[in-house]
Amino acid sequence: MDINSFQEFWLIVTDVWQNGVYGVDIGKILAAILIFLFFMLIRHMFSRFVISRLKTIVSKTKNTMDDAVINAIEKPLSFLPIVIGVFCATEILNLSATLEIGAYNLNRSLITFNIFWTFYKIVKPISATFGKLKDIFSKSLIDWMIKAMRGLFLFLGFASILEIWGIQVAPLLAGLGLFGVAVALGAQDLFKNLISGLFIIAEQRFQPGDWIKIDGIVEGTVENIGFRTTTVVQFDKAPVYVPNSKLSDNATINFSRMSHRRIYWKIGLLYDTSIDQLKNIRLQIEEYILNNDAFAHPPEVATFVRIDSFNDSSIDLMLYCFTKTTDWGEWLEIKEQLALIIKDIIAQNNSGFAYPSQSLYIETMPSQIDKKEAEPFPQD
């Protein structure tokens, strides 16, 4: 191989080195890669020192919101060195017009993505300021507002990135109009449940933590009111996911909003209980309830202890009263104590509880029948 051939080979190597990858100098590509790796290393150091320093600073303040904000935007902040690294790497490349446009769009897309990612993450900690609106809006409605804001930032970020790459969002949405109509027809239940959920929250029928009952559907504690379904945890701790339309279209009992809990009994007494005994039993039970602070008293609530009816096997005493507590466990304890007191009062008045019974009346005694059957037949 002569000197001319070697020079020709070297010219080819030089040309490949300078224009080997879409006309971009391989040396600059390697330099760009090194710059990007350097910023990846900076990212680790940035996350370790800068963000930690910010957390230390905000931890010294009395306000807890700034702590929540820093924790929320930690990942977008740690992604910032990558955005800068891509920008610096593309800046040193001698790109063609087409590739330069692509690199420009890539940088804008990364910046846009990081900005809207930060907005998305920051919504939740800032929503703590919405606590002042709880007097106007319910907690569930505020949760829905937060979800709507996060969804809005996601949509705006996605639309902005599409616009950067020359994809017009408005014509795209218009083109999807007919498809959207078809989807809407097939998703009527979805929209019905969504609207029903809005009505439930707006009317404040119940809140997470309330004990509700819908006959034939579910009974338990509300855990979450979602866009489509509401999660109700039954008393056996099994979660039930109920479509919002079921809760909106049916009568709902909200036990958590009771002001008092009721006790309603029919107490059957023996028929041989005298009038004086009945009066004493009724009066002593009434005095116990009216003098006990565990029970609510008139005129706040109605309280009755009255002889109510003559049943088939008993004289019925009606007891109708309310406890001050609405807690089920405390209510059971008060009711148990009342039952023991009533039993003691009835025993002290020499009466007793009646139970279903029947009386059998026989016109002819068996001994007389046996006597007739035992007589001998007359003999001729």
Protein backbone atom coordinates (compact mmCIF):
# COMPACT_ATOMS: atom_id res chain seq x y z
CA MET A 1 0.00 0.00 0.00
CA ASP A 2 1.57 3.26 -1.09
CA ILE A 3 1.39 6.63 0.61
CA ASN A 4 -1.51 7.81 -1.58
CA SER A 5 -3.68 4.87 -0.55
CA PHE A 6 -2.98 5.54 3.10
CA GLN A 7 -3.88 9.20 2.68
CA GLU A 8 -7.10 8.19 0.97
CA PHE A 9 -7.91 5.81 3.84
CA TRP A 10 -7.21 8.54 6.36
CA LEU A 11 -9.49 10.91 4.50
CA ILE A 12 -12.28 8.33 4.71
CA VAL A 13 -11.71 7.89 8.46
CA THR A 14 -11.74 11.63 8.95
CA ASP A 15 -14.93 11.98 6.94
CA VAL A 16 -16.65 9.22 8.89
CA TRP A 17 -15.48 10.79 12.16
CA GLN A 18 -16.81 14.18 11.18
CA ASN A 19 -20.00 13.13 9.40
CA GLY A 20 -20.49 9.53 10.50
CA VAL A 21 -23.89 9.77 12.24
CA TYR A 22 -26.40 11.84 10.28
CA GLY A 23 -23.68 14.33 9.50
CA VAL A 24 -22.75 14.86 13.16
CA ASP A 25 -19.15 14.74 14.34
CA ILE A 26 -18.56 11.53 16.35
CA GLY A 27 -16.24 13.43 18.65
CA LYS A 28 -18.99 15.87 19.50
CA ILE A 29 -21.39 12.98 20.05
CA LEU A 30 -18.95 11.46 22.55
CA ALA A 31 -18.55 14.86 24.19
CA ALA A 32 -22.32 15.25 24.39
CA ILE A 33 -22.61 11.80 25.99
CA LEU A 34 -19.96 12.72 28.53
CA ILE A 35 -21.75 15.98 29.33
CA PHE A 36 -25.02 14.12 29.81
CA LEU A 37 -23.35 11.56 32.10
CA PHE A 38 -21.78 14.42 34.05
CA PHE A 39 -25.21 15.93 34.67
CA MET A 40 -26.51 12.50 35.68
CA LEU A 41 -23.82 12.55 38.35
CA ILE A 42 -24.79 16.11 39.24
CA ARG A 43 -28.35 14.89 39.64
CA HIS A 44 -27.27 12.48 42.34
CA MET A 45 -25.30 15.17 44.14
CA PHE A 46 -28.12 17.68 43.64
CA SER A 47 -30.61 15.29 45.20
CA ARG A 48 -28.27 14.46 48.04
CA PHE A 49 -27.11 17.93 49.03
CA VAL A 50 -29.35 20.67 47.59
CA ILE A 51 -32.72 19.04 48.26
CA SER A 52 -31.55 17.83 51.67
CA ARG A 53 -30.47 21.38 52.46
CA LEU A 54 -33.88 22.72 51.43
CA LYS A 55 -35.59 20.17 53.67
CA THR A 56 -33.41 21.23 56.58
CA ILE A 57 -34.28 24.91 56.03
CA VAL A 58 -38.05 24.39 55.80
CA SER A 59 -38.07 22.02 58.78
CA LYS A 60 -37.10 24.96 60.99
CA THR A 61 -40.25 26.91 60.10
CA LYS A 62 -43.49 26.60 62.02
CA ASN A 63 -45.48 26.21 58.83
CA THR A 64 -45.84 22.57 57.77
CA MET A 65 -46.98 23.40 54.23
CA ASP A 66 -43.46 24.21 53.01
CA ASP A 67 -42.27 20.79 54.24
CA ALA A 68 -45.07 19.11 52.30
CA VAL A 69 -44.29 21.17 49.18
CA ILE A 70 -40.58 20.24 49.21
CA ASN A 71 -41.41 16.56 49.68
CA ALA A 72 -43.92 16.73 46.82
CA ILE A 73 -41.58 18.39 44.30
CA GLU A 74 -38.50 16.37 45.25
CA LYS A 75 -38.70 14.17 42.14
CA PRO A 76 -39.31 17.05 39.67
CA LEU A 77 -36.36 18.90 41.24
CA SER A 78 -34.11 15.86 40.93
CA PHE A 79 -35.17 15.57 37.26
CA LEU A 80 -34.02 19.15 36.56
CA PRO A 81 -30.30 18.24 36.06
CA ILE A 82 -31.33 15.76 33.35
CA VAL A 83 -33.22 18.52 31.53
CA ILE A 84 -30.17 20.78 31.74
CA GLY A 85 -27.88 17.93 30.68
CA VAL A 86 -29.91 17.20 27.54
CA PHE A 87 -29.92 20.91 26.67
CA CYS A 88 -26.13 21.26 27.08
CA ALA A 89 -25.48 18.03 25.17
CA THR A 90 -27.57 19.11 22.19
CA GLU A 91 -26.01 22.59 22.19
CA ILE A 92 -22.49 21.34 21.40
CA LEU A 93 -23.68 19.17 18.52
CA ASN A 94 -23.42 20.63 15.04
CA LEU A 95 -26.84 19.43 13.90
CA SER A 96 -28.52 19.78 10.56
CA ALA A 97 -31.61 21.94 10.27
CA THR A 98 -33.99 19.00 10.68
CA LEU A 99 -32.14 17.52 13.67
CA GLU A 100 -31.77 20.95 15.22
CA ILE A 101 -35.54 21.40 15.15
CA GLY A 102 -35.95 17.98 16.71
CA ALA A 103 -33.43 18.80 19.47
CA TYR A 104 -35.17 22.13 20.07
CA ASN A 105 -38.55 20.42 20.40
CA LEU A 106 -37.04 17.78 22.70
CA ASN A 107 -35.66 20.43 25.05
CA ARG A 108 -38.95 22.32 25.10
CA SER A 109 -40.84 19.08 25.74
CA LEU A 110 -38.62 18.14 28.69
CA ILE A 111 -38.96 21.62 30.20
CA THR A 112 -42.73 21.58 29.71
CA PHE A 113 -42.98 18.09 31.18
CA ASN A 114 -41.00 19.10 34.28
CA ILE A 115 -43.07 22.26 34.82
CA PHE A 116 -46.43 20.51 34.65
CA TRP A 117 -45.09 17.58 36.67
CA THR A 118 -44.20 20.08 39.39
CA PHE A 119 -47.69 21.62 39.23
CA TYR A 120 -49.26 18.16 39.41
CA LYS A 121 -47.23 17.20 42.48
CA ILE A 122 -47.70 20.53 44.26
CA VAL A 123 -51.51 20.47 44.12
CA LYS A 124 -51.91 18.01 46.98
CA PRO A 125 -49.82 19.84 49.64
CA ILE A 126 -51.28 23.21 48.64
CA SER A 127 -54.77 21.71 48.99
CA ALA A 128 -54.23 21.91 52.76
CA THR A 129 -55.18 25.58 52.40
CA PHE A 130 -58.59 24.40 51.20
CA GLY A 131 -59.31 23.33 54.77
CA LYS A 132 -60.76 26.77 55.34
CA LEU A 133 -63.41 25.95 52.74
CA LYS A 134 -64.76 23.00 54.71
CA ASP A 135 -67.45 25.25 56.14
CA ILE A 136 -68.67 25.85 52.58
CA PHE A 137 -67.76 22.64 50.77
CA SER A 138 -67.70 19.08 52.07
CA LYS A 139 -64.45 17.16 52.41
CA SER A 140 -65.44 14.86 49.54
CA LEU A 141 -66.14 17.81 47.26
CA ILE A 142 -62.74 19.30 48.10
CA ASP A 143 -61.12 15.93 47.29
CA TRP A 144 -62.89 15.94 43.94
CA MET A 145 -61.71 19.51 43.26
CA ILE A 146 -58.13 18.42 43.95
CA LYS A 147 -58.47 15.43 41.61
CA ALA A 148 -59.96 17.69 38.93
CA MET A 149 -57.06 20.16 39.25
CA ARG A 150 -54.49 17.38 38.94
CA GLY A 151 -56.33 15.99 35.93
CA LEU A 152 -56.37 19.48 34.38
CA PHE A 153 -52.59 19.83 34.77
CA LEU A 154 -52.09 16.40 33.20
CA PHE A 155 -54.23 17.37 30.22
CA LEU A 156 -52.58 20.78 29.78
CA GLY A 157 -49.10 19.26 29.99
CA PHE A 158 -49.95 16.54 27.46
CA ALA A 159 -51.58 19.09 25.11
CA SER A 160 -48.61 21.46 25.39
CA ILE A 161 -46.14 18.72 24.45
CA LEU A 162 -48.28 17.73 21.46
CA GLU A 163 -48.39 21.37 20.35
CA ILE A 164 -44.58 21.56 20.54
CA TRP A 165 -44.31 18.66 18.07
CA GLY A 166 -46.79 20.28 15.71
CA ILE A 167 -49.83 18.21 16.66
CA GLN A 168 -52.83 20.52 17.01
CA VAL A 169 -54.99 19.42 19.93
CA ALA A 170 -58.19 21.25 18.96
CA PRO A 171 -58.57 19.57 15.53
CA LEU A 172 -57.64 16.27 17.15
CA LEU A 173 -60.42 16.63 19.68
CA ALA A 174 -62.85 17.66 16.94
CA GLY A 175 -61.86 14.61 14.90
CA LEU A 176 -62.57 12.44 17.91
CA GLY A 177 -66.05 13.93 18.26
CA LEU A 178 -67.92 11.16 16.46
CA PHE A 179 -65.87 8.57 18.25
CA GLY A 180 -66.67 10.34 21.53
CA VAL A 181 -70.39 10.16 20.79
CA ALA A 182 -70.13 6.43 20.21
CA VAL A 183 -68.18 6.00 23.41
CA ALA A 184 -70.66 8.14 25.33
CA LEU A 185 -73.56 5.95 24.18
CA GLY A 186 -71.71 2.90 25.43
CA ALA A 187 -70.66 4.61 28.67
CA GLN A 188 -74.00 5.92 29.85
CA ASP A 189 -73.66 4.12 33.17
CA LEU A 190 -70.24 5.70 33.69
CA PHE A 191 -71.58 9.23 33.22
CA LYS A 192 -74.68 8.44 35.28
CA ASN A 193 -72.53 7.28 38.17
CA LEU A 194 -70.29 10.33 37.81
CA ILE A 195 -73.25 12.72 37.98
CA SER A 196 -74.77 10.74 40.84
CA GLY A 197 -71.51 11.07 42.75
CA LEU A 198 -71.59 14.84 42.26
CA PHE A 199 -75.17 14.96 43.61
CA ILE A 200 -74.21 12.85 46.63
CA ILE A 201 -71.35 15.20 47.47
CA ALA A 202 -73.30 18.39 46.75
CA GLU A 203 -76.26 17.26 48.87
CA GLN A 204 -73.87 15.99 51.59
CA ARG A 205 -75.87 12.82 52.11
CA PHE A 206 -72.91 11.19 53.79
CA GLN A 207 -69.19 11.62 54.29
CA PRO A 208 -66.28 9.18 54.61
CA GLY A 209 -66.55 7.63 58.05
CA ASP A 210 -70.38 7.72 58.20
CA TRP A 211 -72.38 4.59 58.97
CA ILE A 212 -75.05 4.22 56.28
CA LYS A 213 -77.65 1.67 55.25
CA ILE A 214 -79.40 1.21 51.90
CA ASP A 215 -82.03 -1.51 52.13
CA GLY A 216 -81.19 -4.48 49.95
CA ILE A 217 -77.87 -2.99 48.83
CA VAL A 218 -75.34 -2.36 51.59
CA GLU A 219 -74.81 -1.40 55.21
CA GLY A 220 -71.49 -0.28 56.64
CA THR A 221 -69.01 2.58 56.97
CA VAL A 222 -68.25 4.84 54.00
CA GLU A 223 -64.55 4.72 53.16
CA ASN A 224 -64.30 6.71 49.94
CA ILE A 225 -66.60 8.47 47.46
CA GLY A 226 -65.06 7.97 44.03
CA PHE A 227 -65.92 9.22 40.54
CA ARG A 228 -67.80 6.04 39.67
CA THR A 229 -68.23 4.00 42.86
CA THR A 230 -68.38 4.53 46.59
CA THR A 231 -66.45 2.14 48.83
CA VAL A 232 -68.44 0.96 51.85
CA VAL A 233 -66.79 -1.32 54.41
CA GLN A 234 -69.28 -3.75 55.94
CA PHE A 235 -69.14 -4.69 59.60
CA ASP A 236 -67.38 -7.93 58.68
CA LYS A 237 -64.61 -5.66 57.26
CA ALA A 238 -65.37 -6.67 53.66
CA PRO A 239 -65.30 -3.68 51.27
CA VAL A 240 -68.25 -3.23 48.91
CA TYR A 241 -67.88 -1.07 45.78
CA VAL A 242 -71.34 0.38 45.17
CA PRO A 243 -72.13 2.32 41.96
CA ASN A 244 -72.99 5.90 42.85
CA SER A 245 -76.31 5.67 41.02
CA LYS A 246 -77.44 2.96 43.46
CA LEU A 247 -76.76 5.30 46.37
CA SER A 248 -78.34 8.30 44.66
CA ASP A 249 -81.55 6.61 43.50
CA ASN A 250 -82.37 4.77 46.75
CA ALA A 251 -83.32 5.93 50.23
CA THR A 252 -80.20 6.16 52.40
CA ILE A 253 -80.19 5.95 56.19
CA ASN A 254 -77.26 7.81 57.74
CA PHE A 255 -76.94 6.49 61.28
CA SER A 256 -73.95 8.74 62.00
CA ARG A 257 -76.19 11.81 61.95
CA MET A 258 -78.53 10.57 64.66
CA SER A 259 -78.84 12.98 67.56
CA HIS A 260 -79.91 10.12 69.89
CA ARG A 261 -80.42 6.35 69.78
CA ARG A 262 -83.85 4.91 70.45
CA ILE A 263 -84.95 2.05 72.73
CA TYR A 264 -88.39 0.66 71.91
CA TRP A 265 -89.63 -2.41 73.76
CA LYS A 266 -92.91 -4.23 74.38
CA ILE A 267 -92.69 -5.89 77.81
CA GLY A 268 -95.23 -8.67 78.34
CA LEU A 269 -96.46 -9.05 81.97
CA LEU A 270 -98.52 -11.83 83.48
CA TYR A 271 -102.32 -11.48 83.33
CA ASP A 272 -102.64 -12.05 87.09
CA THR A 273 -100.65 -8.84 87.72
CA SER A 274 -102.89 -6.49 89.70
CA ILE A 275 -103.64 -2.88 88.81
CA ASP A 276 -101.51 -1.59 91.69
CA GLN A 277 -98.61 -3.78 90.59
CA LEU A 278 -98.90 -2.50 87.01
CA LYS A 279 -98.91 1.12 88.20
CA ASN A 280 -95.89 0.60 90.45
CA ILE A 281 -93.90 -1.20 87.74
CA ARG A 282 -94.67 1.52 85.19
CA LEU A 283 -93.89 4.35 87.61
CA GLN A 284 -90.57 2.87 88.83
CA ILE A 285 -89.32 2.24 85.27
CA GLU A 286 -90.29 5.78 84.25
CA GLU A 287 -88.54 7.28 87.30
CA TYR A 288 -85.37 5.34 86.54
CA ILE A 289 -85.25 6.67 82.98
CA LEU A 290 -86.10 10.28 83.90
CA ASN A 291 -83.52 10.38 86.69
CA ASN A 292 -80.70 8.78 84.68
CA ASP A 293 -78.33 11.14 82.85
CA ALA A 294 -77.62 8.47 80.22
CA PHE A 295 -81.11 9.08 78.76
CA ALA A 296 -82.41 12.14 76.93
CA HIS A 297 -85.46 13.68 78.58
CA PRO A 298 -88.55 15.60 77.44
CA PRO A 299 -89.08 18.07 75.81
CA GLU A 300 -85.88 17.26 73.90
CA VAL A 301 -87.26 13.82 72.99
CA ALA A 302 -90.43 11.85 73.60
CA THR A 303 -90.36 9.38 76.51
CA PHE A 304 -93.20 6.96 77.20
CA VAL A 305 -93.70 4.14 79.69
CA ARG A 306 -97.36 3.09 79.35
CA ILE A 307 -99.68 0.10 79.58
CA ASP A 308 -100.16 -0.45 75.87
CA SER A 309 -102.38 -3.44 75.08
CA PHE A 310 -103.91 -6.73 76.16
CA ASN A 311 -102.16 -9.39 74.15
CA ASP A 312 -103.19 -13.04 73.76
CA SER A 313 -100.96 -14.15 76.64
CA SER A 314 -99.80 -10.94 78.32
CA ILE A 315 -100.49 -7.40 79.38
CA ASP A 316 -98.07 -5.36 77.25
CA LEU A 317 -96.09 -2.47 78.70
CA MET A 318 -94.64 -0.14 76.06
CA LEU A 319 -91.21 1.43 76.70
CA TYR A 320 -90.14 4.24 74.36
CA CYS A 321 -87.06 6.35 75.16
CA PHE A 322 -83.77 7.68 73.77
CA THR A 323 -80.19 7.58 74.97
CA LYS A 324 -77.91 10.62 74.72
CA THR A 325 -75.10 8.65 73.15
CA THR A 326 -75.19 7.49 69.55
CA ASP A 327 -72.21 5.18 69.96
CA TRP A 328 -73.41 1.64 69.39
CA GLY A 329 -71.25 0.05 72.10
CA GLU A 330 -72.30 2.59 74.75
CA TRP A 331 -75.93 2.24 73.66
CA LEU A 332 -75.78 -1.55 74.11
CA GLU A 333 -74.31 -1.10 77.58
CA ILE A 334 -77.06 1.34 78.63
CA LYS A 335 -79.74 -0.92 77.18
CA GLU A 336 -78.33 -3.91 79.06
CA GLN A 337 -78.38 -2.00 82.35
CA LEU A 338 -81.98 -0.93 81.67
CA ALA A 339 -83.02 -4.54 81.03
CA LEU A 340 -81.53 -5.66 84.36
CA ILE A 341 -83.27 -2.82 86.22
CA ILE A 342 -86.64 -3.69 84.64
CA LYS A 343 -86.28 -7.34 85.59
CA ASP A 344 -85.46 -6.35 89.15
CA ILE A 345 -88.44 -3.95 89.35
CA ILE A 346 -90.85 -6.60 88.08
CA ALA A 347 -89.50 -9.16 90.56
CA GLN A 348 -89.78 -6.68 93.47
CA ASN A 349 -93.46 -6.15 92.62
CA ASN A 350 -94.15 -9.92 92.68
CA SER A 351 -94.99 -10.11 89.00
CA GLY A 352 -93.30 -11.83 86.09
CA PHE A 353 -92.81 -11.93 82.36
CA ALA A 354 -95.49 -13.62 80.31
CA TYR A 355 -94.80 -16.06 77.55
CA PRO A 356 -97.12 -17.50 74.85
CA SER A 357 -99.41 -20.16 76.34
CA GLN A 358 -102.72 -21.91 75.68
CA SER A 359 -105.40 -23.16 78.03
CA LEU A 360 -107.12 -26.53 77.37
CA TYR A 361 -110.62 -27.04 78.79
CA ILE A 362 -112.02 -30.64 79.13
CA GLU A 363 -115.78 -31.04 79.72
CA THR A 364 -115.64 -34.75 80.59
CA MET A 365 -112.97 -36.03 82.95
CA PRO A 366 -111.03 -39.12 81.82
CA SER A 367 -111.88 -40.95 85.08
CA GLN A 368 -115.58 -40.83 84.30
CA ILE A 369 -114.99 -42.16 80.78
CA ASP A 370 -112.87 -45.02 82.16
CA LYS A 371 -115.55 -45.86 84.73
CA LYS A 372 -118.25 -46.21 82.06
CA GLU A 373 -116.02 -48.37 79.90
CA ALA A 374 -115.30 -50.64 82.90
CA GLU A 375 -118.99 -51.48 83.61
CA PRO A 376 -119.94 -55.10 82.59
CA PHE A 377 -122.50 -55.73 79.90
CA PRO A 378 -125.94 -56.86 81.22
CA GLN A 379 -126.51 -60.62 81.12
CA ASP A 380 -129.64 -62.40 80.02
